[in-house]
Amino acid sequence: MPNYVEFNKISKGFPGVQALDDVSFRVQGGRICALMGENGAGKSTMLKILSGDYQADEGTIIIDGMPASYHSPHGALKASISVIYQERQLVPGLSVMENIFIEDLPKKGIRIDKAALRKMTQHILDEFELDVNPSEPVGRLSVAHQQMIEIMKAYRRDSEIIAFDEPTAPLSESEINTLFKVIRRLKEAGKVIIYVSHRMSEIFQISDDIVVLKDGKLVCELNADETTEQELITAMVGRDIGDTYAELCRNENIGEVMLEVRNLETDDVHDINLEVRAGEIVGFAGLIGAGRTELARAIFAADPISSGEIFLNGQKVNFKSPKDAIAAGMALCPEDRKEQGLVLDRTINNNITSAVLEKVKTGLFLDKKKERKLSHAAVEKYSIKTPSIEKKVVELSGGNQQKVILGRWTSEAMVTKVLILDEPTKGIDVGAKAEIYQAICDFAKAGLAVIFISSELTEVINLADRIIVMAQGRITGSLSRQEATEEKVLKLAMHH
């Protein structure tokens, strides 16, 4: 069993950016090491080198004194290394049990032994306290449950070195607690564990050691028990960002009702009545599965409505598709930005202008000059870290990807009236979060009606002017920012 894994003078560059620059640190077995840093600090690149997805330009990975010799993800698995990424690597059409045991399906002769497979899967599902059918196709599960299946897949391999990249981003509080139980069990078994998260409370709850990266360089190594949250943020950001919420420049002028929803019904949400005013930020809180995302998608015409009415600026609307909603001034930044919000293998330029192609045409052809002007303006406005607007979006950090989506919906060519933001800070570091919070306040100042969905209660309570709480597809209450507390919101969120 490995006692440690050591990153020795690791460097890795990409066109226009040095992702890692001479980074060295060691992770001991039986301890949990948090790898911290802002988006673009080099954390994901480090994990991809560990998993064999990337090869370091310089330096070596040393496992128990021996240089690692694998050069592919398959080689890393054989070397007993598992990396669980934010981007799920599941086959949607296959069942839960087939995904969990995909490289090692039990056989009876030449056929898959379904009974054994189901039994083995059920044992793991029970360990993770997850109530899903082993035969259910993974594509039908929620984002949170898919993430749990991804974690189980790595857990089942019983690898000696396990890295988690933002594993809790889509998970509920109870699912996070279950995951932490499992991680602590792995720690007790002496595994080498690397844990990446932007949620400060988690880091101090789960980790023993903290390694901080910034701009591809090692900043410091800390002991979690001897470090405060403020010290960690300063090490990551390079400055004291103060009280993020207190320093926000908010909108004081809330206008007339911009969006009204009356008696809305879909398969997932029931009897929804709400109003959002111009210049108002309305936060949606609730537990996983409360129906917040489903409501956002229904308003945006991404999912069908069975009954009810939607009014925009006092006028009744009947959108047949998201295209109609966009034309009327609605915009949605979806929860799963990689699957639903971006075309990953296209450039920043393509992604920012994708919603306004008709407006950047001259005659039949795209006006490249206009297109580039819009993209450059968005890159500048949101401080998107990139050497060029021609860089592919897949190569950007999570925070910069989120800024590309914001850039699309708030470009000069868009006439956005209602902006729906579903988990806009998921998987994003403290520095980028502060920028996105201010951007949301700026949208409100510009007169947009903003719907803000987040699983982080402190975020909703501190950012929104008004908080609507949902449970089991219904609205269970509404609170102003002044009266909202975590206790009050949770009480409404658990109301059946």
Protein backbone atom coordinates (compact mmCIF):
# COMPACT_ATOMS: atom_id res chain seq x y z
CA MET A 1 0.00 0.00 0.00
CA PRO A 2 1.45 3.43 -0.97
CA ASN A 3 2.53 5.53 1.97
CA TYR A 4 2.70 8.65 -0.16
CA VAL A 5 2.54 10.21 -3.61
CA GLU A 6 4.95 13.01 -4.42
CA PHE A 7 4.73 15.62 -7.17
CA ASN A 8 8.30 16.52 -7.98
CA LYS A 9 9.04 19.75 -9.93
CA ILE A 10 5.94 19.37 -12.15
CA SER A 11 5.59 21.87 -15.03
CA LYS A 12 2.96 21.92 -17.78
CA GLY A 13 2.28 24.58 -20.42
CA PHE A 14 -0.42 25.12 -23.03
CA PRO A 15 -0.44 27.68 -25.87
CA GLY A 16 -0.48 31.10 -24.19
CA VAL A 17 -0.54 29.84 -20.59
CA GLN A 18 1.82 28.13 -18.13
CA ALA A 19 -0.64 25.95 -16.18
CA LEU A 20 1.95 24.53 -13.74
CA ASP A 21 5.39 25.88 -12.99
CA ASP A 22 7.87 23.76 -10.98
CA VAL A 23 5.35 22.50 -8.40
CA SER A 24 6.49 20.06 -5.70
CA PHE A 25 4.54 18.65 -2.74
CA ARG A 26 3.83 15.31 -1.05
CA VAL A 27 0.55 13.67 0.02
CA GLN A 28 0.76 11.10 2.83
CA GLY A 29 -1.36 7.95 2.98
CA GLY A 30 -3.97 8.01 5.74
CA ARG A 31 -4.31 11.80 5.51
CA ILE A 32 -6.64 13.94 3.40
CA CYS A 33 -4.84 16.68 1.43
CA ALA A 34 -6.96 19.56 0.12
CA LEU A 35 -5.63 21.08 -3.10
CA MET A 36 -6.77 24.71 -3.13
CA GLY A 37 -6.52 27.73 -5.41
CA GLU A 38 -8.57 30.05 -7.58
CA ASN A 39 -9.93 28.88 -10.93
CA GLY A 40 -6.98 28.66 -13.28
CA ALA A 41 -4.52 28.02 -10.41
CA GLY A 42 -3.54 24.64 -11.92
CA LYS A 43 -5.48 22.19 -9.70
CA SER A 44 -7.32 20.37 -12.51
CA THR A 45 -4.14 20.22 -14.63
CA MET A 46 -2.34 18.58 -11.71
CA LEU A 47 -5.11 15.99 -11.35
CA LYS A 48 -5.08 15.31 -15.09
CA ILE A 49 -1.34 14.63 -14.93
CA LEU A 50 -1.97 12.29 -11.98
CA SER A 51 -4.70 10.46 -13.94
CA GLY A 52 -2.58 10.12 -17.12
CA ASP A 53 -4.87 12.41 -19.18
CA TYR A 54 -1.96 14.87 -19.54
CA GLN A 55 1.78 14.30 -19.53
CA ALA A 56 3.95 16.75 -17.59
CA ASP A 57 6.44 18.78 -19.66
CA GLU A 58 8.91 18.44 -16.80
CA GLY A 59 9.04 16.68 -13.45
CA THR A 60 7.87 13.30 -12.17
CA ILE A 61 5.23 11.73 -9.99
CA ILE A 62 6.84 9.53 -7.35
CA ILE A 63 4.82 6.80 -5.63
CA ASP A 64 6.53 5.34 -2.57
CA GLY A 65 9.96 6.34 -3.79
CA MET A 66 9.49 4.98 -7.34
CA PRO A 67 8.87 7.24 -10.38
CA ALA A 68 5.45 6.51 -11.93
CA SER A 69 5.74 5.07 -15.43
CA TYR A 70 2.19 5.20 -16.83
CA HIS A 71 1.25 7.42 -19.80
CA SER A 72 -2.55 7.08 -20.07
CA PRO A 73 -5.71 6.97 -17.93
CA HIS A 74 -5.76 3.18 -18.37
CA GLY A 75 -2.16 3.03 -17.11
CA ALA A 76 -3.11 5.18 -14.09
CA LEU A 77 -5.97 2.81 -13.22
CA LYS A 78 -3.57 -0.14 -13.43
CA ALA A 79 -1.25 1.80 -11.09
CA SER A 80 -4.20 1.93 -8.62
CA ILE A 81 -4.98 5.64 -9.18
CA SER A 82 -8.57 6.92 -9.52
CA VAL A 83 -9.51 10.54 -10.22
CA ILE A 84 -13.15 11.59 -9.88
CA TYR A 85 -13.72 14.68 -12.04
CA GLN A 86 -16.39 17.37 -12.01
CA GLU A 87 -17.17 16.31 -15.59
CA ARG A 88 -18.99 13.03 -15.17
CA GLN A 89 -17.66 10.17 -17.29
CA LEU A 90 -20.74 7.98 -17.41
CA VAL A 91 -22.57 6.24 -20.27
CA PRO A 92 -26.14 7.66 -20.08
CA GLY A 93 -27.76 4.72 -21.90
CA LEU A 94 -26.27 2.08 -19.61
CA SER A 95 -27.73 1.13 -16.22
CA VAL A 96 -26.40 2.21 -12.83
CA MET A 97 -24.85 -1.24 -12.28
CA GLU A 98 -23.26 -1.37 -15.73
CA ASN A 99 -21.68 2.06 -15.20
CA ILE A 100 -20.29 1.21 -11.77
CA PHE A 101 -18.66 -2.04 -12.96
CA ILE A 102 -18.03 -0.98 -16.56
CA GLU A 103 -14.42 -2.26 -16.79
CA ASP A 104 -15.04 -5.34 -14.67
CA LEU A 105 -18.49 -6.83 -15.38
CA PRO A 106 -18.97 -10.26 -13.73
CA LYS A 107 -19.39 -13.03 -16.31
CA LYS A 108 -21.12 -16.40 -16.42
CA GLY A 109 -19.45 -18.03 -19.38
CA ILE A 110 -19.57 -15.40 -22.12
CA ARG A 111 -22.64 -13.62 -20.73
CA ILE A 112 -22.82 -10.92 -18.06
CA ASP A 113 -23.93 -12.39 -14.73
CA LYS A 114 -26.83 -9.95 -14.10
CA ALA A 115 -27.74 -11.43 -10.70
CA ALA A 116 -24.18 -11.08 -9.36
CA LEU A 117 -23.90 -7.60 -10.89
CA ARG A 118 -27.14 -6.44 -9.24
CA LYS A 119 -26.10 -7.89 -5.86
CA MET A 120 -22.64 -6.25 -5.95
CA THR A 121 -24.17 -2.92 -7.02
CA GLN A 122 -26.85 -3.02 -4.32
CA HIS A 123 -24.13 -3.56 -1.70
CA ILE A 124 -22.36 -0.34 -2.82
CA LEU A 125 -25.65 1.61 -3.10
CA ASP A 126 -26.43 0.60 0.50
CA GLU A 127 -22.99 1.78 1.66
CA PHE A 128 -23.70 5.17 0.06
CA GLU A 129 -27.30 5.18 1.37
CA LEU A 130 -28.54 5.86 -2.17
CA ASP A 131 -32.05 4.72 -3.03
CA VAL A 132 -31.87 4.09 -6.78
CA ASN A 133 -32.68 1.03 -8.88
CA PRO A 134 -29.48 -0.73 -10.09
CA SER A 135 -31.20 -1.29 -13.47
CA GLU A 136 -32.15 2.38 -13.97
CA PRO A 137 -30.38 4.02 -16.96
CA VAL A 138 -27.92 6.58 -15.58
CA GLY A 139 -29.14 9.24 -18.04
CA ARG A 140 -32.49 9.33 -16.23
CA LEU A 141 -30.95 10.17 -12.84
CA SER A 142 -30.56 13.67 -11.41
CA VAL A 143 -27.19 15.44 -11.69
CA ALA A 144 -26.61 14.76 -7.96
CA HIS A 145 -27.29 11.04 -8.28
CA GLN A 146 -25.10 10.81 -11.39
CA GLN A 147 -22.28 12.37 -9.36
CA MET A 148 -22.76 9.75 -6.64
CA ILE A 149 -22.60 6.97 -9.28
CA GLU A 150 -19.33 8.49 -10.59
CA ILE A 151 -17.90 8.38 -7.05
CA MET A 152 -19.09 4.79 -6.54
CA LYS A 153 -17.38 3.77 -9.77
CA ALA A 154 -14.02 4.90 -8.36
CA TYR A 155 -14.78 3.56 -4.87
CA ARG A 156 -15.53 0.11 -6.31
CA ARG A 157 -12.06 -0.09 -7.87
CA ASP A 158 -10.49 0.12 -4.38
CA SER A 159 -7.65 2.26 -5.74
CA GLU A 160 -4.81 3.18 -3.39
CA ILE A 161 -4.58 6.80 -4.59
CA ILE A 162 -7.91 8.65 -4.97
CA ALA A 163 -8.43 12.27 -6.03
CA PHE A 164 -11.79 14.06 -5.82
CA ASP A 165 -12.35 17.14 -8.03
CA GLU A 166 -15.30 19.18 -6.68
CA PRO A 167 -17.25 16.01 -5.82
CA THR A 168 -19.95 17.76 -3.77
CA ALA A 169 -20.89 20.56 -6.18
CA PRO A 170 -24.30 19.02 -7.08
CA LEU A 171 -24.90 17.12 -3.82
CA SER A 172 -27.37 17.81 -1.01
CA GLU A 173 -26.28 18.15 2.62
CA SER A 174 -27.21 14.54 3.50
CA GLU A 175 -25.41 13.19 0.41
CA ILE A 176 -22.31 15.21 1.34
CA ASN A 177 -22.38 13.74 4.86
CA THR A 178 -22.59 10.22 3.42
CA LEU A 179 -19.70 10.94 1.06
CA PHE A 180 -17.58 12.27 3.92
CA LYS A 181 -18.23 9.07 5.89
CA VAL A 182 -16.94 7.08 2.92
CA ILE A 183 -13.88 9.34 2.50
CA ARG A 184 -13.04 9.01 6.20
CA ARG A 185 -13.28 5.22 5.84
CA LEU A 186 -10.81 5.41 2.93
CA LYS A 187 -8.52 7.54 5.10
CA GLU A 188 -8.65 4.97 7.91
CA ALA A 189 -7.70 2.30 5.36
CA GLY A 190 -4.50 4.30 4.69
CA LYS A 191 -5.40 5.50 1.19
CA VAL A 192 -3.71 8.55 -0.35
CA ILE A 193 -6.52 11.12 -0.76
CA ILE A 194 -6.44 14.44 -2.64
CA TYR A 195 -9.54 16.61 -2.31
CA VAL A 196 -10.35 19.68 -4.44
CA SER A 197 -13.24 21.95 -3.44
CA HIS A 198 -14.08 25.65 -3.36
CA ARG A 199 -16.34 25.23 -0.33
CA MET A 200 -14.34 26.47 2.63
CA SER A 201 -16.48 24.79 5.28
CA GLU A 202 -15.85 21.41 3.63
CA ILE A 203 -12.09 21.90 3.55
CA PHE A 204 -11.91 22.46 7.30
CA GLN A 205 -14.40 19.64 7.92
CA ILE A 206 -12.60 16.94 5.92
CA SER A 207 -8.92 17.77 5.33
CA ASP A 208 -5.73 17.30 7.36
CA ASP A 209 -3.32 19.15 5.06
CA ILE A 210 -3.84 22.00 2.58
CA VAL A 211 -1.72 22.75 -0.49
CA VAL A 212 -2.37 26.15 -2.13
CA LEU A 213 -1.61 26.88 -5.80
CA LYS A 214 -1.81 30.25 -7.53
CA ASP A 215 -1.17 30.93 -11.24
CA GLY A 216 0.43 27.50 -11.61
CA LYS A 217 2.89 27.93 -8.71
CA LEU A 218 2.95 26.46 -5.21
CA VAL A 219 2.11 29.21 -2.70
CA CYS A 220 2.24 27.28 0.60
CA GLU A 221 1.47 24.08 2.49
CA LEU A 222 -0.71 24.39 5.60
CA ASN A 223 -2.03 22.25 8.41
CA ALA A 224 -5.85 22.51 8.43
CA ASP A 225 -6.06 22.53 12.23
CA GLU A 226 -3.69 25.48 12.49
CA THR A 227 -5.20 27.63 9.71
CA THR A 228 -8.19 30.01 9.61
CA GLU A 229 -10.55 30.47 6.68
CA GLN A 230 -9.37 34.07 6.26
CA GLU A 231 -5.70 33.00 6.10
CA LEU A 232 -6.55 30.39 3.48
CA ILE A 233 -8.51 32.86 1.32
CA THR A 234 -5.65 35.38 1.48
CA ALA A 235 -3.15 32.65 0.46
CA MET A 236 -5.38 31.65 -2.49
CA VAL A 237 -6.35 35.08 -3.76
CA GLY A 238 -3.15 36.92 -2.86
CA ARG A 239 -5.13 39.60 -1.07
CA ASP A 240 -7.72 39.96 1.68
CA ILE A 241 -11.09 40.09 -0.13
CA GLY A 242 -12.85 41.28 3.02
CA ASP A 243 -16.54 40.64 3.61
CA THR A 244 -17.69 39.81 0.07
CA TYR A 245 -21.37 40.51 0.71
CA ALA A 246 -20.92 43.72 2.72
CA GLU A 247 -18.86 45.25 -0.06
CA LEU A 248 -21.39 44.60 -2.85
CA CYS A 249 -22.71 47.66 -4.64
CA ARG A 250 -26.42 46.80 -4.76
CA ASN A 251 -29.40 48.11 -6.71
CA GLU A 252 -31.70 50.31 -4.62
CA ASN A 253 -34.30 51.05 -7.31
CA ILE A 254 -36.66 48.13 -7.80
CA GLY A 255 -39.20 48.75 -10.58
CA GLU A 256 -42.46 47.29 -11.88
CA VAL A 257 -43.26 43.58 -12.22
CA MET A 258 -41.25 42.22 -15.18
CA LEU A 259 -42.07 38.52 -14.91
CA GLU A 260 -45.26 37.01 -13.52
CA VAL A 261 -46.09 33.31 -13.29
CA ARG A 262 -49.66 32.22 -12.48
CA ASN A 263 -50.79 28.71 -11.47
CA LEU A 264 -47.96 27.03 -13.37
CA GLU A 265 -48.03 23.22 -13.55
CA THR A 266 -45.58 20.77 -15.09
CA ASP A 267 -44.75 17.12 -14.34
CA ASP A 268 -42.30 18.36 -11.69
CA VAL A 269 -43.71 21.62 -10.26
CA HIS A 270 -47.20 22.47 -9.03
CA ASP A 271 -49.33 25.57 -8.47
CA ILE A 272 -46.48 28.05 -8.93
CA ASN A 273 -47.34 31.73 -8.48
CA LEU A 274 -44.58 34.33 -8.39
CA GLU A 275 -43.54 37.82 -9.45
CA VAL A 276 -40.09 39.21 -10.20
CA ARG A 277 -39.63 42.96 -10.59
CA ALA A 278 -37.23 44.87 -12.81
CA GLY A 279 -34.01 45.44 -10.84
CA GLU A 280 -34.87 42.75 -8.28
CA ILE A 281 -32.80 39.67 -7.42
CA VAL A 282 -35.10 36.83 -6.37
CA GLY A 283 -33.21 33.91 -4.86
CA PHE A 284 -34.58 30.37 -4.98
CA ALA A 285 -33.64 28.06 -2.11
CA GLY A 286 -34.52 24.43 -1.44
CA LEU A 287 -33.06 20.99 -1.05
CA ILE A 288 -31.92 18.87 -4.02
CA GLY A 289 -35.04 17.76 -5.92
CA ALA A 290 -37.15 20.70 -4.67
CA GLY A 291 -38.00 21.65 -8.28
CA ARG A 292 -36.03 24.90 -8.65
CA THR A 293 -34.20 23.88 -11.84
CA GLU A 294 -37.38 22.35 -13.28
CA LEU A 295 -39.24 25.62 -12.67
CA ALA A 296 -36.47 27.64 -14.34
CA ARG A 297 -36.52 25.33 -17.38
CA ALA A 298 -40.33 25.54 -17.63
CA ILE A 299 -40.30 29.37 -17.55
CA PHE A 300 -37.63 29.33 -20.27
CA ALA A 301 -39.69 26.87 -22.40
CA ALA A 302 -36.97 24.21 -22.19
CA ASP A 303 -39.52 21.82 -20.61
CA PRO A 304 -43.27 21.59 -21.39
CA ILE A 305 -45.93 23.29 -19.25
CA SER A 306 -49.21 21.44 -18.67
CA SER A 307 -51.14 24.51 -17.47
CA GLY A 308 -50.72 28.04 -16.15
CA GLU A 309 -49.75 31.44 -17.56
CA ILE A 310 -46.56 33.47 -17.90
CA PHE A 311 -46.54 37.26 -18.32
CA LEU A 312 -43.55 39.31 -19.44
CA ASN A 313 -43.79 43.07 -18.90
CA GLY A 314 -47.55 42.70 -18.42
CA GLN A 315 -48.05 40.82 -21.70
CA LYS A 316 -49.08 37.16 -21.71
CA VAL A 317 -46.51 35.02 -23.53
CA ASN A 318 -46.75 31.53 -24.93
CA PHE A 319 -43.24 30.33 -25.74
CA LYS A 320 -43.01 27.19 -27.88
CA SER A 321 -39.24 26.84 -27.40
CA PRO A 322 -36.22 28.50 -25.76
CA LYS A 323 -35.68 30.33 -29.08
CA ASP A 324 -39.00 32.17 -28.53
CA ALA A 325 -38.02 32.93 -24.93
CA ILE A 326 -34.65 34.36 -26.00
CA ALA A 327 -36.32 36.51 -28.69
CA ALA A 328 -38.61 37.95 -25.99
CA GLY A 329 -35.66 38.84 -23.72
CA MET A 330 -35.34 35.79 -21.47
CA ALA A 331 -31.96 34.20 -20.72
CA LEU A 332 -31.01 31.05 -18.79
CA CYS A 333 -27.56 30.12 -17.46
CA PRO A 334 -28.20 26.42 -16.81
CA GLU A 335 -27.11 24.37 -13.79
CA ASP A 336 -24.99 22.03 -15.91
CA ARG A 337 -22.94 24.58 -17.84
CA LYS A 338 -20.86 21.96 -19.67
CA GLU A 339 -23.80 19.83 -20.85
CA GLN A 340 -26.39 22.54 -21.48
CA GLY A 341 -24.70 25.95 -21.43
CA LEU A 342 -21.66 25.72 -23.69
CA VAL A 343 -20.41 24.17 -26.90
CA LEU A 344 -17.16 22.99 -25.35
CA ASP A 345 -15.14 22.32 -28.50
CA ARG A 346 -15.97 25.75 -29.99
CA THR A 347 -14.18 29.01 -29.24
CA ILE A 348 -15.01 31.73 -26.70
CA ASN A 349 -15.99 33.88 -29.68
CA ASN A 350 -18.43 31.24 -31.03
CA ASN A 351 -20.02 30.71 -27.62
CA ILE A 352 -20.49 34.38 -26.75
CA THR A 353 -22.13 35.26 -30.08
CA SER A 354 -24.17 32.06 -30.54
CA ALA A 355 -27.41 33.65 -29.30
CA VAL A 356 -27.14 36.77 -31.50
CA LEU A 357 -25.94 35.46 -34.87
CA GLU A 358 -28.82 37.21 -36.69
CA LYS A 359 -27.64 40.52 -35.23
CA VAL A 360 -24.01 40.14 -36.28
CA LYS A 361 -24.81 39.47 -39.93
CA THR A 362 -24.20 41.73 -42.86
CA GLY A 363 -26.53 40.44 -45.54
CA LEU A 364 -26.25 36.65 -45.58
CA PHE A 365 -22.83 36.51 -43.95
CA LEU A 366 -21.53 36.89 -40.42
CA ASP A 367 -19.74 40.17 -39.82
CA LYS A 368 -16.53 38.86 -38.22
CA LYS A 369 -15.55 42.33 -37.06
CA LYS A 370 -18.85 42.83 -35.18
CA GLU A 371 -18.60 39.32 -33.76
CA ARG A 372 -15.07 39.87 -32.46
CA LYS A 373 -16.03 43.26 -31.00
CA LEU A 374 -18.83 41.67 -28.93
CA SER A 375 -16.55 38.87 -27.71
CA HIS A 376 -13.68 41.21 -26.79
CA ALA A 377 -16.15 43.41 -24.86
CA ALA A 378 -17.38 40.38 -22.86
CA VAL A 379 -13.83 39.16 -22.14
CA GLU A 380 -12.93 42.62 -20.86
CA LYS A 381 -16.17 43.13 -18.90
CA TYR A 382 -15.87 39.83 -17.00
CA SER A 383 -12.04 39.64 -16.86
CA ILE A 384 -12.10 36.24 -18.62
CA LYS A 385 -8.57 34.82 -18.36
CA THR A 386 -7.59 33.84 -21.90
CA PRO A 387 -4.81 34.67 -24.35
CA SER A 388 -7.37 34.91 -27.19
CA ILE A 389 -11.10 34.83 -27.99
CA GLU A 390 -10.23 31.95 -30.34
CA LYS A 391 -9.35 29.69 -27.39
CA LYS A 392 -11.66 26.67 -27.05
CA VAL A 393 -14.05 26.91 -24.09
CA VAL A 394 -13.17 23.36 -22.96
CA GLU A 395 -9.65 24.63 -22.14
CA LEU A 396 -10.92 27.30 -19.69
CA SER A 397 -11.33 26.92 -15.93
CA GLY A 398 -14.87 26.53 -14.50
CA GLY A 399 -15.05 30.16 -13.39
CA ASN A 400 -14.04 31.45 -16.82
CA GLN A 401 -16.52 29.11 -18.52
CA GLN A 402 -19.28 30.58 -16.34
CA LYS A 403 -18.18 34.10 -17.30
CA VAL A 404 -18.44 33.15 -21.01
CA ILE A 405 -22.12 32.23 -20.46
CA LEU A 406 -22.74 35.53 -18.62
CA GLY A 407 -20.96 37.32 -21.47
CA ARG A 408 -23.30 35.72 -24.00
CA TRP A 409 -26.52 36.74 -22.26
CA THR A 410 -25.43 40.27 -21.42
CA SER A 411 -23.63 41.25 -24.64
CA GLU A 412 -24.50 44.58 -26.26
CA ALA A 413 -26.48 42.74 -28.97
CA MET A 414 -28.80 41.07 -26.42
CA VAL A 415 -31.92 42.74 -25.06
CA THR A 416 -32.20 40.67 -21.89
CA LYS A 417 -35.09 41.51 -19.56
CA VAL A 418 -35.18 38.40 -17.35
CA LEU A 419 -31.97 36.57 -16.42
CA ILE A 420 -32.24 33.14 -14.77
CA LEU A 421 -29.01 31.98 -13.11
CA ASP A 422 -29.05 28.34 -12.01
CA GLU A 423 -26.10 27.56 -9.67
CA PRO A 424 -23.87 30.22 -11.33
CA THR A 425 -21.09 29.86 -8.73
CA LYS A 426 -20.97 26.04 -8.64
CA GLY A 427 -17.35 24.88 -8.67
CA ILE A 428 -16.02 28.45 -8.66
CA ASP A 429 -13.36 29.87 -6.35
CA VAL A 430 -13.82 32.66 -3.79
CA GLY A 431 -12.20 35.36 -5.95
CA ALA A 432 -14.32 34.59 -9.03
CA LYS A 433 -17.43 34.25 -6.82
CA ALA A 434 -16.97 37.81 -5.53
CA GLU A 435 -16.80 39.03 -9.17
CA ILE A 436 -19.94 37.08 -10.14
CA TYR A 437 -21.86 38.38 -7.08
CA GLN A 438 -21.07 41.95 -8.15
CA ALA A 439 -21.99 41.14 -11.77
CA ILE A 440 -25.41 39.88 -10.54
CA CYS A 441 -25.93 43.14 -8.59
CA ASP A 442 -24.93 45.05 -11.74
CA PHE A 443 -27.55 43.15 -13.79
CA ALA A 444 -30.17 44.28 -11.27
CA LYS A 445 -28.89 47.88 -11.45
CA ALA A 446 -29.28 47.71 -15.23
CA GLY A 447 -32.97 46.94 -14.68
CA LEU A 448 -32.96 43.20 -15.32
CA ALA A 449 -35.27 40.90 -13.35
CA VAL A 450 -32.87 38.31 -11.91
CA ILE A 451 -33.75 34.80 -10.70
CA PHE A 452 -30.86 33.33 -8.74
CA ILE A 453 -30.84 29.63 -7.81
CA SER A 454 -28.16 28.31 -5.47
CA SER A 455 -27.67 25.34 -3.14
CA GLU A 456 -25.44 27.48 -0.92
CA LEU A 457 -27.82 29.03 1.59
CA THR A 458 -25.49 31.79 2.74
CA GLU A 459 -25.19 32.89 -0.89
CA VAL A 460 -28.96 33.13 -1.48
CA ILE A 461 -29.62 34.86 1.85
CA ASN A 462 -26.90 37.47 1.37
CA LEU A 463 -27.35 38.18 -2.34
CA ALA A 464 -31.09 38.08 -3.03
CA ASP A 465 -33.54 40.89 -2.27
CA ARG A 466 -36.22 38.26 -1.71
CA ILE A 467 -35.95 34.49 -1.17
CA ILE A 468 -38.53 32.02 -2.46
CA VAL A 469 -38.25 28.57 -0.89
CA MET A 470 -39.37 25.37 -2.63
CA ALA A 471 -39.97 21.80 -1.47
CA GLN A 472 -41.23 18.86 -3.51
CA GLY A 473 -42.13 20.98 -6.54
CA ARG A 474 -44.09 23.61 -4.62
CA ILE A 475 -43.37 27.07 -3.19
CA THR A 476 -43.47 26.79 0.60
CA GLY A 477 -42.70 30.38 1.52
CA SER A 478 -41.11 33.73 0.73
CA LEU A 479 -38.77 35.86 2.87
CA SER A 480 -37.12 39.25 2.44
CA ARG A 481 -33.33 39.47 2.81
CA GLN A 482 -33.82 41.34 6.08
CA GLU A 483 -35.93 38.59 7.70
CA ALA A 484 -34.21 35.54 6.18
CA THR A 485 -32.01 33.29 8.32
CA GLU A 486 -30.60 29.85 7.51
CA GLU A 487 -32.91 28.36 10.13
CA LYS A 488 -36.06 29.96 8.64
CA VAL A 489 -35.13 28.96 5.07
CA LEU A 490 -34.32 25.35 6.08
CA LYS A 491 -37.61 25.07 7.97
CA LEU A 492 -39.49 26.06 4.78
CA ALA A 493 -37.27 23.83 2.62
CA MET A 494 -38.19 20.81 4.75
CA HIS A 495 -41.87 21.68 4.80
CA HIS A 496 -44.00 19.04 3.06
